[in-house]
Amino acid sequence: MRGGGEVGAAAGGEYSPLDFAYTLNNCALSMFEVSAYKPAGLLSEECYRLIAAVLGPDDIATMKAKSNLASCLMWMGQYKRATPMHQECTEIIARKCGTDHPDYGWSLHSVSSCLTFADRYEEALELRRECLAIWVNILGKHHHMYARFLGDLTTALIPLEKYDEAISGALEALQVMKRAKGEENHRYATLLALLAEIYMHAGRPIEALRMIQRSRDIYERTIGPDCPKYALSLATMGKCLDDADREEEALEMYTEASRAIAANIGKNNFEYVTVLQCSGMCLHKMMRFEEALPLHLEAEAIVDELPSDETNIRNEVMCSVLGSIGGCLYQLQRFEDAIR
């Protein structure tokens, strides 16, 4: 998401509808940065409506606002609605500003994110390489925005199992961010969390654990334990401990993560369900099926109430949950229930 706009009232001028729209946009941006996508989306939609009414539907400021709204929709799982919005913004910005303009780089990145969520990883990777090249031409390789976009590029490498390149990119991004902003900021923590994710996928849980512990500590110091990113870092720590066969510690971390996610994000989301499932599967490994079953049943009840999304994630999660329930029932010798 992008900020933007000068607020006239802040400089002593008359407070106009555009000023109000830009204030909404900055509030939405702050919410988006801490993964509060639903309220960010509501503010972004109102911001887009106001700017379009004043400046017209094809103005660059309108396109920026529309792109911000699309980004919120994308992170809420509404990919079919978000993708054409991002594509329209990219085409109009390219026509009006050119393909070497920062706004075009932002829009191209947004389209690549939609492709990533749609499992079109090769296409997403190519767009992210193009996007990074634009930012290098504009800002060079020592700006914190270069670190951000290099980090984003590495996320497209993970599903393609290009772990060596991803690790190299994440380490470079961390060095650039450290020089530009220092270690005590949430963007540096986010890059540490990214490196932890890569290490986990690459089968290096001990290194992953070190990275996510550092990330969690920085989140706690910089944006506080009530931030959704802090809660999610606890879940990642649990997974690292789980992968390292430290089940008791993993279970404690999953429990702490589930409480933090419930308090800061809520329970009716896939993040909470994922932690419930991880907790249950950790108990499976410890042969504690009686304790695992209620967690999987709670996960089933939540998923059953979630709206269908556009990439069948809900159905995939439900299949996983039902499989876990069946496995528990089988181990508890409740065979008829397991078959149902």
C-alpha atoms as a PDB file:
ATOM      1  CA  MET A   1       0.000   0.000   0.000  1.00  0.00           C
ATOM      2  CA  ARG A   2       1.039   3.561  -0.635  1.00  0.00           C
ATOM      3  CA  GLY A   3       0.695   6.755   1.367  1.00  0.00           C
ATOM      4  CA  GLY A   4       0.335  10.108  -0.267  1.00  0.00           C
ATOM      5  CA  GLY A   5      -1.255  13.522  -0.317  1.00  0.00           C
ATOM      6  CA  GLU A   6      -0.607  16.717   1.557  1.00  0.00           C
ATOM      7  CA  VAL A   7      -3.147  17.626   4.187  1.00  0.00           C
ATOM      8  CA  GLY A   8      -3.975  21.300   3.775  1.00  0.00           C
ATOM      9  CA  ALA A   9      -5.385  21.753   7.252  1.00  0.00           C
ATOM     10  CA  ALA A  10      -2.090  20.598   8.758  1.00  0.00           C
ATOM     11  CA  ALA A  11      -0.425  23.602   7.103  1.00  0.00           C
ATOM     12  CA  GLY A  12      -3.089  26.015   8.326  1.00  0.00           C
ATOM     13  CA  GLY A  13      -5.278  25.842   5.211  1.00  0.00           C
ATOM     14  CA  GLU A  14      -8.905  24.847   4.762  1.00  0.00           C
ATOM     15  CA  TYR A  15      -9.603  21.150   5.401  1.00  0.00           C
ATOM     16  CA  SER A  16     -11.021  19.770   2.149  1.00  0.00           C
ATOM     17  CA  PRO A  17     -12.572  16.408   1.207  1.00  0.00           C
ATOM     18  CA  LEU A  18      -9.219  15.445  -0.317  1.00  0.00           C
ATOM     19  CA  ASP A  19      -7.465  16.222   2.959  1.00  0.00           C
ATOM     20  CA  PHE A  20      -9.905  13.925   4.732  1.00  0.00           C
ATOM     21  CA  ALA A  21      -9.344  11.219   2.092  1.00  0.00           C
ATOM     22  CA  TYR A  22      -5.562  11.385   2.485  1.00  0.00           C
ATOM     23  CA  THR A  23      -5.933  11.200   6.265  1.00  0.00           C
ATOM     24  CA  LEU A  24      -8.072   8.082   5.835  1.00  0.00           C
ATOM     25  CA  ASN A  25      -5.421   6.654   3.531  1.00  0.00           C
ATOM     26  CA  ASN A  26      -2.662   7.173   6.077  1.00  0.00           C
ATOM     27  CA  CYS A  27      -4.775   5.529   8.786  1.00  0.00           C
ATOM     28  CA  ALA A  28      -5.472   2.610   6.445  1.00  0.00           C
ATOM     29  CA  LEU A  29      -1.766   2.322   5.680  1.00  0.00           C
ATOM     30  CA  SER A  30      -0.939   2.086   9.394  1.00  0.00           C
ATOM     31  CA  MET A  31      -3.521  -0.671   9.846  1.00  0.00           C
ATOM     32  CA  PHE A  32      -2.289  -2.537   6.776  1.00  0.00           C
ATOM     33  CA  GLU A  33       1.296  -2.458   8.076  1.00  0.00           C
ATOM     34  CA  VAL A  34       0.251  -4.435  11.169  1.00  0.00           C
ATOM     35  CA  SER A  35      -1.892  -6.902   9.162  1.00  0.00           C
ATOM     36  CA  ALA A  36      -5.261  -5.417  10.199  1.00  0.00           C
ATOM     37  CA  TYR A  37      -6.596  -5.862   6.670  1.00  0.00           C
ATOM     38  CA  LYS A  38     -10.353  -5.644   7.224  1.00  0.00           C
ATOM     39  CA  PRO A  39     -10.409  -2.185   8.887  1.00  0.00           C
ATOM     40  CA  ALA A  40      -7.714  -1.042   6.454  1.00  0.00           C
ATOM     41  CA  GLY A  41      -9.969  -2.134   3.596  1.00  0.00           C
ATOM     42  CA  LEU A  42     -12.967  -0.224   4.937  1.00  0.00           C
ATOM     43  CA  LEU A  43     -10.929   2.972   5.231  1.00  0.00           C
ATOM     44  CA  SER A  44      -9.317   2.441   1.812  1.00  0.00           C
ATOM     45  CA  GLU A  45     -12.711   2.007   0.158  1.00  0.00           C
ATOM     46  CA  GLU A  46     -13.972   5.277   1.599  1.00  0.00           C
ATOM     47  CA  CYS A  47     -10.709   7.003   0.603  1.00  0.00           C
ATOM     48  CA  TYR A  48     -11.040   5.723  -2.976  1.00  0.00           C
ATOM     49  CA  ARG A  49     -14.661   6.883  -3.184  1.00  0.00           C
ATOM     50  CA  LEU A  50     -13.805  10.403  -2.014  1.00  0.00           C
ATOM     51  CA  ILE A  51     -10.791  10.855  -4.292  1.00  0.00           C
ATOM     52  CA  ALA A  52     -12.625   9.484  -7.345  1.00  0.00           C
ATOM     53  CA  ALA A  53     -15.514  11.892  -6.703  1.00  0.00           C
ATOM     54  CA  VAL A  54     -13.185  14.922  -6.556  1.00  0.00           C
ATOM     55  CA  LEU A  55     -10.486  14.075  -9.123  1.00  0.00           C
ATOM     56  CA  GLY A  56     -12.230  11.648 -11.471  1.00  0.00           C
ATOM     57  CA  PRO A  57     -11.901   7.894 -11.998  1.00  0.00           C
ATOM     58  CA  ASP A  58      -8.702   7.981 -14.105  1.00  0.00           C
ATOM     59  CA  ASP A  59      -6.613  10.397 -12.040  1.00  0.00           C
ATOM     60  CA  ILE A  60      -3.310   8.992 -10.756  1.00  0.00           C
ATOM     61  CA  ALA A  61      -4.306   9.712  -7.140  1.00  0.00           C
ATOM     62  CA  THR A  62      -7.526   7.774  -7.744  1.00  0.00           C
ATOM     63  CA  MET A  63      -5.547   4.854  -9.154  1.00  0.00           C
ATOM     64  CA  LYS A  64      -3.291   4.831  -6.086  1.00  0.00           C
ATOM     65  CA  ALA A  65      -6.324   4.748  -3.806  1.00  0.00           C
ATOM     66  CA  LYS A  66      -7.907   1.992  -5.891  1.00  0.00           C
ATOM     67  CA  SER A  67      -4.691  -0.023  -5.774  1.00  0.00           C
ATOM     68  CA  ASN A  68      -4.579   0.317  -1.976  1.00  0.00           C
ATOM     69  CA  LEU A  69      -8.144  -0.948  -1.737  1.00  0.00           C
ATOM     70  CA  ALA A  70      -7.282  -3.864  -4.026  1.00  0.00           C
ATOM     71  CA  SER A  71      -4.308  -4.771  -1.830  1.00  0.00           C
ATOM     72  CA  CYS A  72      -6.576  -4.998   1.216  1.00  0.00           C
ATOM     73  CA  LEU A  73      -9.068  -7.129  -0.708  1.00  0.00           C
ATOM     74  CA  MET A  74      -6.273  -9.417  -1.870  1.00  0.00           C
ATOM     75  CA  TRP A  75      -5.059 -10.052   1.681  1.00  0.00           C
ATOM     76  CA  MET A  76      -8.654 -10.795   2.716  1.00  0.00           C
ATOM     77  CA  GLY A  77      -8.832 -13.518   0.051  1.00  0.00           C
ATOM     78  CA  GLN A  78     -10.923 -11.625  -2.517  1.00  0.00           C
ATOM     79  CA  TYR A  79      -8.500 -12.267  -5.386  1.00  0.00           C
ATOM     80  CA  LYS A  80     -11.008 -12.209  -8.237  1.00  0.00           C
ATOM     81  CA  ARG A  81     -12.078  -8.716  -7.253  1.00  0.00           C
ATOM     82  CA  ALA A  82      -8.547  -7.480  -6.494  1.00  0.00           C
ATOM     83  CA  THR A  83      -6.717  -8.728  -9.605  1.00  0.00           C
ATOM     84  CA  PRO A  84      -8.589  -6.726 -12.307  1.00  0.00           C
ATOM     85  CA  MET A  85      -8.425  -3.634 -10.098  1.00  0.00           C
ATOM     86  CA  HIS A  86      -4.640  -3.910  -9.872  1.00  0.00           C
ATOM     87  CA  GLN A  87      -4.345  -4.631 -13.591  1.00  0.00           C
ATOM     88  CA  GLU A  88      -6.442  -1.566 -14.484  1.00  0.00           C
ATOM     89  CA  CYS A  89      -4.332   0.628 -12.197  1.00  0.00           C
ATOM     90  CA  THR A  90      -1.119  -0.694 -13.743  1.00  0.00           C
ATOM     91  CA  GLU A  91      -2.300  -0.025 -17.308  1.00  0.00           C
ATOM     92  CA  ILE A  92      -3.463   3.535 -16.565  1.00  0.00           C
ATOM     93  CA  ILE A  93      -0.332   4.425 -14.585  1.00  0.00           C
ATOM     94  CA  ALA A  94       1.905   3.038 -17.357  1.00  0.00           C
ATOM     95  CA  ARG A  95       0.054   5.136 -19.923  1.00  0.00           C
ATOM     96  CA  LYS A  96       0.148   8.336 -17.876  1.00  0.00           C
ATOM     97  CA  CYS A  97       3.477   8.060 -16.045  1.00  0.00           C
ATOM     98  CA  GLY A  98       5.568   5.597 -18.026  1.00  0.00           C
ATOM     99  CA  THR A  99       7.075   2.269 -17.055  1.00  0.00           C
ATOM    100  CA  ASP A 100      10.040   3.782 -15.223  1.00  0.00           C
ATOM    101  CA  HIS A 101       7.883   5.598 -12.667  1.00  0.00           C
ATOM    102  CA  PRO A 102       7.689   4.518  -8.979  1.00  0.00           C
ATOM    103  CA  ASP A 103       3.895   4.247  -9.136  1.00  0.00           C
ATOM    104  CA  TYR A 104       4.210   1.772 -12.001  1.00  0.00           C
ATOM    105  CA  GLY A 105       6.671  -0.252  -9.909  1.00  0.00           C
ATOM    106  CA  TRP A 106       4.193  -0.338  -7.031  1.00  0.00           C
ATOM    107  CA  SER A 107       1.330  -1.414  -9.284  1.00  0.00           C
ATOM    108  CA  LEU A 108       3.406  -4.102 -10.977  1.00  0.00           C
ATOM    109  CA  HIS A 109       4.292  -5.474  -7.558  1.00  0.00           C
ATOM    110  CA  SER A 110       0.612  -5.588  -6.621  1.00  0.00           C
ATOM    111  CA  VAL A 111      -0.252  -7.587  -9.756  1.00  0.00           C
ATOM    112  CA  SER A 112       2.554 -10.026  -8.925  1.00  0.00           C
ATOM    113  CA  SER A 113       1.088 -10.496  -5.438  1.00  0.00           C
ATOM    114  CA  CYS A 114      -2.262 -11.472  -6.955  1.00  0.00           C
ATOM    115  CA  LEU A 115      -0.490 -14.010  -9.157  1.00  0.00           C
ATOM    116  CA  THR A 116       1.295 -15.429  -6.106  1.00  0.00           C
ATOM    117  CA  PHE A 117      -1.979 -15.924  -4.256  1.00  0.00           C
ATOM    118  CA  ALA A 118      -3.372 -17.612  -7.368  1.00  0.00           C
ATOM    119  CA  ASP A 119      -0.397 -20.081  -7.368  1.00  0.00           C
ATOM    120  CA  ARG A 120       0.998 -18.620 -10.612  1.00  0.00           C
ATOM    121  CA  TYR A 121       4.493 -18.476  -9.162  1.00  0.00           C
ATOM    122  CA  GLU A 122       6.635 -18.324 -12.296  1.00  0.00           C
ATOM    123  CA  GLU A 123       4.667 -15.364 -13.647  1.00  0.00           C
ATOM    124  CA  ALA A 124       4.768 -13.664 -10.265  1.00  0.00           C
ATOM    125  CA  LEU A 125       8.531 -14.128 -10.047  1.00  0.00           C
ATOM    126  CA  GLU A 126       9.119 -12.536 -13.441  1.00  0.00           C
ATOM    127  CA  LEU A 127       7.009  -9.506 -12.523  1.00  0.00           C
ATOM    128  CA  ARG A 128       8.849  -9.143  -9.225  1.00  0.00           C
ATOM    129  CA  ARG A 129      12.200  -9.217 -11.008  1.00  0.00           C
ATOM    130  CA  GLU A 130      10.928  -6.479 -13.332  1.00  0.00           C
ATOM    131  CA  CYS A 131       9.603  -4.518 -10.369  1.00  0.00           C
ATOM    132  CA  LEU A 132      12.921  -4.760  -8.521  1.00  0.00           C
ATOM    133  CA  ALA A 133      14.807  -3.543 -11.591  1.00  0.00           C
ATOM    134  CA  ILE A 134      12.565  -0.450 -11.712  1.00  0.00           C
ATOM    135  CA  TRP A 135      13.336   0.379  -8.092  1.00  0.00           C
ATOM    136  CA  VAL A 136      17.069  -0.156  -8.600  1.00  0.00           C
ATOM    137  CA  ASN A 137      16.984   2.358 -11.460  1.00  0.00           C
ATOM    138  CA  ILE A 138      15.091   4.863  -9.307  1.00  0.00           C
ATOM    139  CA  LEU A 139      16.722   4.479  -5.894  1.00  0.00           C
ATOM    140  CA  GLY A 140      19.786   2.275  -6.270  1.00  0.00           C
ATOM    141  CA  LYS A 141      20.610  -0.699  -4.057  1.00  0.00           C
ATOM    142  CA  HIS A 142      21.169   1.111  -0.760  1.00  0.00           C
ATOM    143  CA  HIS A 143      17.643   2.381  -0.099  1.00  0.00           C
ATOM    144  CA  HIS A 144      15.302   0.657   2.354  1.00  0.00           C
ATOM    145  CA  MET A 145      12.700   0.290  -0.416  1.00  0.00           C
ATOM    146  CA  TYR A 146      15.177  -1.838  -2.358  1.00  0.00           C
ATOM    147  CA  ALA A 147      15.423  -4.102   0.696  1.00  0.00           C
ATOM    148  CA  ARG A 148      11.624  -4.367   0.882  1.00  0.00           C
ATOM    149  CA  PHE A 149      11.183  -5.293  -2.768  1.00  0.00           C
ATOM    150  CA  LEU A 150      14.130  -7.688  -2.712  1.00  0.00           C
ATOM    151  CA  GLY A 151      12.505  -9.391   0.263  1.00  0.00           C
ATOM    152  CA  ASP A 152       9.225  -9.597  -1.624  1.00  0.00           C
ATOM    153  CA  LEU A 153      11.028 -11.166  -4.575  1.00  0.00           C
ATOM    154  CA  THR A 154      12.366 -13.926  -2.320  1.00  0.00           C
ATOM    155  CA  THR A 155       8.819 -14.855  -1.268  1.00  0.00           C
ATOM    156  CA  ALA A 156       8.116 -15.800  -4.893  1.00  0.00           C
ATOM    157  CA  LEU A 157      11.158 -18.101  -4.849  1.00  0.00           C
ATOM    158  CA  ILE A 158       9.963 -20.200  -1.884  1.00  0.00           C
ATOM    159  CA  PRO A 159       7.108 -22.094  -3.613  1.00  0.00           C
ATOM    160  CA  LEU A 160       9.468 -22.757  -6.550  1.00  0.00           C
ATOM    161  CA  GLU A 161      11.926 -24.334  -4.054  1.00  0.00           C
ATOM    162  CA  LYS A 162      14.735 -21.994  -5.099  1.00  0.00           C
ATOM    163  CA  TYR A 163      15.969 -21.830  -1.541  1.00  0.00           C
ATOM    164  CA  ASP A 164      19.614 -20.898  -2.136  1.00  0.00           C
ATOM    165  CA  GLU A 165      18.625 -17.859  -4.172  1.00  0.00           C
ATOM    166  CA  ALA A 166      15.928 -16.974  -1.650  1.00  0.00           C
ATOM    167  CA  ILE A 167      18.346 -17.156   1.299  1.00  0.00           C
ATOM    168  CA  SER A 168      20.907 -15.051  -0.549  1.00  0.00           C
ATOM    169  CA  GLY A 169      18.282 -12.444  -1.399  1.00  0.00           C
ATOM    170  CA  ALA A 170      16.890 -12.319   2.145  1.00  0.00           C
ATOM    171  CA  LEU A 171      20.372 -11.893   3.650  1.00  0.00           C
ATOM    172  CA  GLU A 172      21.142  -9.057   1.233  1.00  0.00           C
ATOM    173  CA  ALA A 173      17.812  -7.410   2.038  1.00  0.00           C
ATOM    174  CA  LEU A 174      18.583  -7.605   5.758  1.00  0.00           C
ATOM    175  CA  GLN A 175      21.969  -5.959   5.277  1.00  0.00           C
ATOM    176  CA  VAL A 176      20.497  -3.123   3.220  1.00  0.00           C
ATOM    177  CA  MET A 177      17.658  -2.584   5.699  1.00  0.00           C
ATOM    178  CA  LYS A 178      20.108  -2.605   8.611  1.00  0.00           C
ATOM    179  CA  ARG A 179      22.279   0.064   6.993  1.00  0.00           C
ATOM    180  CA  ALA A 180      19.278   2.169   5.981  1.00  0.00           C
ATOM    181  CA  LYS A 181      17.012   1.880   9.033  1.00  0.00           C
ATOM    182  CA  GLY A 182      18.894  -0.072  11.710  1.00  0.00           C
ATOM    183  CA  GLU A 183      17.804  -3.299  13.347  1.00  0.00           C
ATOM    184  CA  GLU A 184      15.253  -1.815  15.738  1.00  0.00           C
ATOM    185  CA  ASN A 185      12.339  -1.435  13.324  1.00  0.00           C
ATOM    186  CA  HIS A 186       9.470  -3.671  12.331  1.00  0.00           C
ATOM    187  CA  ARG A 187      10.543  -3.895   8.677  1.00  0.00           C
ATOM    188  CA  TYR A 188      13.843  -5.459   9.730  1.00  0.00           C
ATOM    189  CA  ALA A 189      11.860  -7.866  11.922  1.00  0.00           C
ATOM    190  CA  THR A 190       9.665  -8.758   8.950  1.00  0.00           C
ATOM    191  CA  LEU A 191      12.731  -9.632   6.866  1.00  0.00           C
ATOM    192  CA  LEU A 192      14.024 -11.807   9.723  1.00  0.00           C
ATOM    193  CA  ALA A 193      10.667 -13.605   9.762  1.00  0.00           C
ATOM    194  CA  LEU A 194      10.956 -14.094   6.006  1.00  0.00           C
ATOM    195  CA  LEU A 195      14.419 -15.618   6.369  1.00  0.00           C
ATOM    196  CA  ALA A 196      13.043 -17.901   9.083  1.00  0.00           C
ATOM    197  CA  GLU A 197      10.304 -19.061   6.704  1.00  0.00           C
ATOM    198  CA  ILE A 198      12.876 -19.832   4.003  1.00  0.00           C
ATOM    199  CA  TYR A 199      15.029 -21.782   6.444  1.00  0.00           C
ATOM    200  CA  MET A 200      11.991 -23.806   7.531  1.00  0.00           C
ATOM    201  CA  HIS A 201      11.124 -24.724   3.963  1.00  0.00           C
ATOM    202  CA  ALA A 202      14.772 -25.595   3.325  1.00  0.00           C
ATOM    203  CA  GLY A 203      14.792 -28.040   6.259  1.00  0.00           C
ATOM    204  CA  ARG A 204      16.946 -25.882   8.557  1.00  0.00           C
ATOM    205  CA  PRO A 205      14.728 -25.503  11.667  1.00  0.00           C
ATOM    206  CA  ILE A 206      17.475 -24.477  14.119  1.00  0.00           C
ATOM    207  CA  GLU A 207      18.530 -21.511  11.975  1.00  0.00           C
ATOM    208  CA  ALA A 208      14.866 -20.699  11.395  1.00  0.00           C
ATOM    209  CA  LEU A 209      14.258 -20.650  15.142  1.00  0.00           C
ATOM    210  CA  ARG A 210      17.102 -18.194  15.742  1.00  0.00           C
ATOM    211  CA  MET A 211      15.741 -15.819  13.098  1.00  0.00           C
ATOM    212  CA  ILE A 212      12.142 -15.906  14.294  1.00  0.00           C
ATOM    213  CA  GLN A 213      13.192 -15.382  17.926  1.00  0.00           C
ATOM    214  CA  ARG A 214      15.053 -12.229  16.905  1.00  0.00           C
ATOM    215  CA  SER A 215      12.059 -11.139  14.840  1.00  0.00           C
ATOM    216  CA  ARG A 216       9.646 -11.681  17.721  1.00  0.00           C
ATOM    217  CA  ASP A 217      11.845  -9.723  20.137  1.00  0.00           C
ATOM    218  CA  ILE A 218      12.114  -6.762  17.751  1.00  0.00           C
ATOM    219  CA  TYR A 219       8.352  -6.767  17.139  1.00  0.00           C
ATOM    220  CA  GLU A 220       7.779  -6.743  20.891  1.00  0.00           C
ATOM    221  CA  ARG A 221      10.121  -3.801  21.415  1.00  0.00           C
ATOM    222  CA  THR A 222       9.047  -1.726  18.403  1.00  0.00           C
ATOM    223  CA  ILE A 223       5.331  -2.280  17.836  1.00  0.00           C
ATOM    224  CA  GLY A 224       4.358  -4.148  20.995  1.00  0.00           C
ATOM    225  CA  PRO A 225       2.896  -7.553  21.853  1.00  0.00           C
ATOM    226  CA  ASP A 226      -0.618  -6.487  20.815  1.00  0.00           C
ATOM    227  CA  CYS A 227       0.369  -6.326  17.136  1.00  0.00           C
ATOM    228  CA  PRO A 228      -0.882  -9.137  14.854  1.00  0.00           C
ATOM    229  CA  LYS A 229       2.641  -9.599  13.456  1.00  0.00           C
ATOM    230  CA  TYR A 230       3.913 -10.364  16.957  1.00  0.00           C
ATOM    231  CA  ALA A 231       1.175 -12.959  17.420  1.00  0.00           C
ATOM    232  CA  LEU A 232       2.002 -14.590  14.087  1.00  0.00           C
ATOM    233  CA  SER A 233       5.705 -14.689  14.978  1.00  0.00           C
ATOM    234  CA  LEU A 234       4.816 -16.828  18.001  1.00  0.00           C
ATOM    235  CA  ALA A 235       3.086 -19.313  15.699  1.00  0.00           C
ATOM    236  CA  THR A 236       6.173 -19.462  13.489  1.00  0.00           C
ATOM    237  CA  MET A 237       8.335 -20.085  16.545  1.00  0.00           C
ATOM    238  CA  GLY A 238       6.100 -22.988  17.465  1.00  0.00           C
ATOM    239  CA  LYS A 239       6.513 -24.468  13.994  1.00  0.00           C
ATOM    240  CA  CYS A 240      10.303 -24.122  14.200  1.00  0.00           C
ATOM    241  CA  LEU A 241      10.362 -25.905  17.557  1.00  0.00           C
ATOM    242  CA  ASP A 242       8.002 -28.558  16.201  1.00  0.00           C
ATOM    243  CA  ASP A 243      10.239 -29.183  13.178  1.00  0.00           C
ATOM    244  CA  ALA A 244      13.215 -29.496  15.547  1.00  0.00           C
ATOM    245  CA  ASP A 245      11.332 -32.261  17.445  1.00  0.00           C
ATOM    246  CA  ARG A 246      10.985 -30.099  20.553  1.00  0.00           C
ATOM    247  CA  GLU A 247       7.299 -30.886  20.941  1.00  0.00           C
ATOM    248  CA  GLU A 248       6.729 -29.738  24.549  1.00  0.00           C
ATOM    249  CA  GLU A 249       8.233 -26.316  23.827  1.00  0.00           C
ATOM    250  CA  ALA A 250       6.364 -26.148  20.522  1.00  0.00           C
ATOM    251  CA  LEU A 251       3.068 -26.884  22.230  1.00  0.00           C
ATOM    252  CA  GLU A 252       3.645 -24.103  24.762  1.00  0.00           C
ATOM    253  CA  MET A 253       4.425 -21.677  21.955  1.00  0.00           C
ATOM    254  CA  TYR A 254       1.371 -22.737  19.923  1.00  0.00           C
ATOM    255  CA  THR A 255      -0.792 -22.167  23.017  1.00  0.00           C
ATOM    256  CA  GLU A 256       0.668 -18.701  23.535  1.00  0.00           C
ATOM    257  CA  ALA A 257       0.252 -17.950  19.821  1.00  0.00           C
ATOM    258  CA  SER A 258      -3.404 -19.033  19.799  1.00  0.00           C
ATOM    259  CA  ARG A 259      -4.153 -16.725  22.729  1.00  0.00           C
ATOM    260  CA  ALA A 260      -2.353 -13.799  21.087  1.00  0.00           C
ATOM    261  CA  ILE A 261      -4.064 -14.338  17.720  1.00  0.00           C
ATOM    262  CA  ALA A 262      -7.475 -14.658  19.366  1.00  0.00           C
ATOM    263  CA  ALA A 263      -6.877 -11.418  21.303  1.00  0.00           C
ATOM    264  CA  ASN A 264      -5.354  -9.350  18.493  1.00  0.00           C
ATOM    265  CA  ILE A 265      -6.855 -10.764  15.294  1.00  0.00           C
ATOM    266  CA  GLY A 266      -9.807 -12.861  16.446  1.00  0.00           C
ATOM    267  CA  LYS A 267     -10.714 -16.519  16.104  1.00  0.00           C
ATOM    268  CA  ASN A 268     -12.655 -16.494  12.839  1.00  0.00           C
ATOM    269  CA  ASN A 269      -9.643 -16.602  10.538  1.00  0.00           C
ATOM    270  CA  PHE A 270      -7.295 -19.121   8.954  1.00  0.00           C
ATOM    271  CA  GLU A 271      -4.357 -17.992  11.100  1.00  0.00           C
ATOM    272  CA  TYR A 272      -6.128 -19.092  14.282  1.00  0.00           C
ATOM    273  CA  VAL A 273      -7.281 -22.330  12.666  1.00  0.00           C
ATOM    274  CA  THR A 274      -3.739 -23.065  11.520  1.00  0.00           C
ATOM    275  CA  VAL A 275      -2.400 -22.731  15.057  1.00  0.00           C
ATOM    276  CA  LEU A 276      -5.158 -25.003  16.382  1.00  0.00           C
ATOM    277  CA  GLN A 277      -4.241 -27.575  13.757  1.00  0.00           C
ATOM    278  CA  CYS A 278      -0.527 -27.301  14.524  1.00  0.00           C
ATOM    279  CA  SER A 279      -1.234 -27.724  18.233  1.00  0.00           C
ATOM    280  CA  GLY A 280      -3.347 -30.777  17.525  1.00  0.00           C
ATOM    281  CA  MET A 281      -0.762 -32.372  15.242  1.00  0.00           C
ATOM    282  CA  CYS A 282       1.938 -31.698  17.837  1.00  0.00           C
ATOM    283  CA  LEU A 283      -0.191 -33.608  20.346  1.00  0.00           C
ATOM    284  CA  HIS A 284      -0.558 -36.378  17.744  1.00  0.00           C
ATOM    285  CA  LYS A 285       3.232 -36.772  17.696  1.00  0.00           C
ATOM    286  CA  MET A 286       3.143 -37.044  21.487  1.00  0.00           C
ATOM    287  CA  MET A 287       0.350 -39.676  21.280  1.00  0.00           C
ATOM    288  CA  ARG A 288      -2.023 -37.393  23.242  1.00  0.00           C
ATOM    289  CA  PHE A 289      -5.073 -37.904  21.050  1.00  0.00           C
ATOM    290  CA  GLU A 290      -7.705 -37.114  23.706  1.00  0.00           C
ATOM    291  CA  GLU A 291      -6.239 -33.619  24.022  1.00  0.00           C
ATOM    292  CA  ALA A 292      -5.803 -33.167  20.274  1.00  0.00           C
ATOM    293  CA  LEU A 293      -9.383 -33.995  19.304  1.00  0.00           C
ATOM    294  CA  PRO A 294     -11.090 -30.913  20.881  1.00  0.00           C
ATOM    295  CA  LEU A 295      -8.621 -28.628  19.087  1.00  0.00           C
ATOM    296  CA  HIS A 296      -9.425 -30.165  15.705  1.00  0.00           C
ATOM    297  CA  LEU A 297     -13.168 -30.021  16.447  1.00  0.00           C
ATOM    298  CA  GLU A 298     -12.856 -26.331  17.332  1.00  0.00           C
ATOM    299  CA  ALA A 299     -10.987 -25.777  14.061  1.00  0.00           C
ATOM    300  CA  GLU A 300     -13.762 -27.563  12.143  1.00  0.00           C
ATOM    301  CA  ALA A 301     -16.443 -25.360  13.702  1.00  0.00           C
ATOM    302  CA  ILE A 302     -14.555 -22.186  12.778  1.00  0.00           C
ATOM    303  CA  VAL A 303     -13.806 -23.225   9.191  1.00  0.00           C
ATOM    304  CA  ASP A 304     -17.428 -24.246   8.729  1.00  0.00           C
ATOM    305  CA  GLU A 305     -18.469 -20.652   9.489  1.00  0.00           C
ATOM    306  CA  LEU A 306     -15.853 -18.948   7.299  1.00  0.00           C
ATOM    307  CA  PRO A 307     -16.975 -17.598   3.906  1.00  0.00           C
ATOM    308  CA  SER A 308     -15.813 -19.405   0.804  1.00  0.00           C
ATOM    309  CA  ASP A 309     -12.829 -17.725  -0.848  1.00  0.00           C
ATOM    310  CA  GLU A 310     -11.756 -17.746  -4.469  1.00  0.00           C
ATOM    311  CA  THR A 311      -8.856 -20.204  -4.380  1.00  0.00           C
ATOM    312  CA  ASN A 312     -10.580 -23.028  -2.484  1.00  0.00           C
ATOM    313  CA  ILE A 313      -8.356 -22.474   0.549  1.00  0.00           C
ATOM    314  CA  ARG A 314     -11.361 -23.005   2.813  1.00  0.00           C
ATOM    315  CA  ASN A 315     -12.097 -26.400   1.245  1.00  0.00           C
ATOM    316  CA  GLU A 316      -8.443 -27.436   1.476  1.00  0.00           C
ATOM    317  CA  VAL A 317      -8.264 -26.436   5.129  1.00  0.00           C
ATOM    318  CA  MET A 318     -11.507 -28.246   5.887  1.00  0.00           C
ATOM    319  CA  CYS A 319     -10.180 -31.428   4.275  1.00  0.00           C
ATOM    320  CA  SER A 320      -7.060 -31.186   6.415  1.00  0.00           C
ATOM    321  CA  VAL A 321      -9.108 -30.603   9.577  1.00  0.00           C
ATOM    322  CA  LEU A 322     -11.442 -33.516   8.856  1.00  0.00           C
ATOM    323  CA  GLY A 323      -8.466 -35.758   8.171  1.00  0.00           C
ATOM    324  CA  SER A 324      -6.988 -34.786  11.543  1.00  0.00           C
ATOM    325  CA  ILE A 325     -10.287 -35.506  13.291  1.00  0.00           C
ATOM    326  CA  GLY A 326     -10.515 -38.882  11.578  1.00  0.00           C
ATOM    327  CA  GLY A 327      -6.954 -39.712  12.594  1.00  0.00           C
ATOM    328  CA  CYS A 328      -7.690 -38.884  16.240  1.00  0.00           C
ATOM    329  CA  LEU A 329     -10.887 -40.934  16.266  1.00  0.00           C
ATOM    330  CA  TYR A 330      -9.083 -43.898  14.704  1.00  0.00           C
ATOM    331  CA  GLN A 331      -6.313 -43.783  17.295  1.00  0.00           C
ATOM    332  CA  LEU A 332      -8.975 -43.610  20.016  1.00  0.00           C
ATOM    333  CA  GLN A 333     -10.593 -46.692  18.438  1.00  0.00           C
ATOM    334  CA  ARG A 334     -13.804 -44.818  17.666  1.00  0.00           C
ATOM    335  CA  PHE A 335     -13.908 -46.432  14.247  1.00  0.00           C
ATOM    336  CA  GLU A 336     -17.520 -45.709  13.276  1.00  0.00           C
ATOM    337  CA  ASP A 337     -17.087 -42.022  14.100  1.00  0.00           C
ATOM    338  CA  ALA A 338     -13.817 -41.975  12.142  1.00  0.00           C
ATOM    339  CA  ILE A 339     -15.517 -43.404   9.041  1.00  0.00           C
ATOM    340  CA  ARG A 340     -18.247 -40.741   9.207  1.00  0.00           C
END
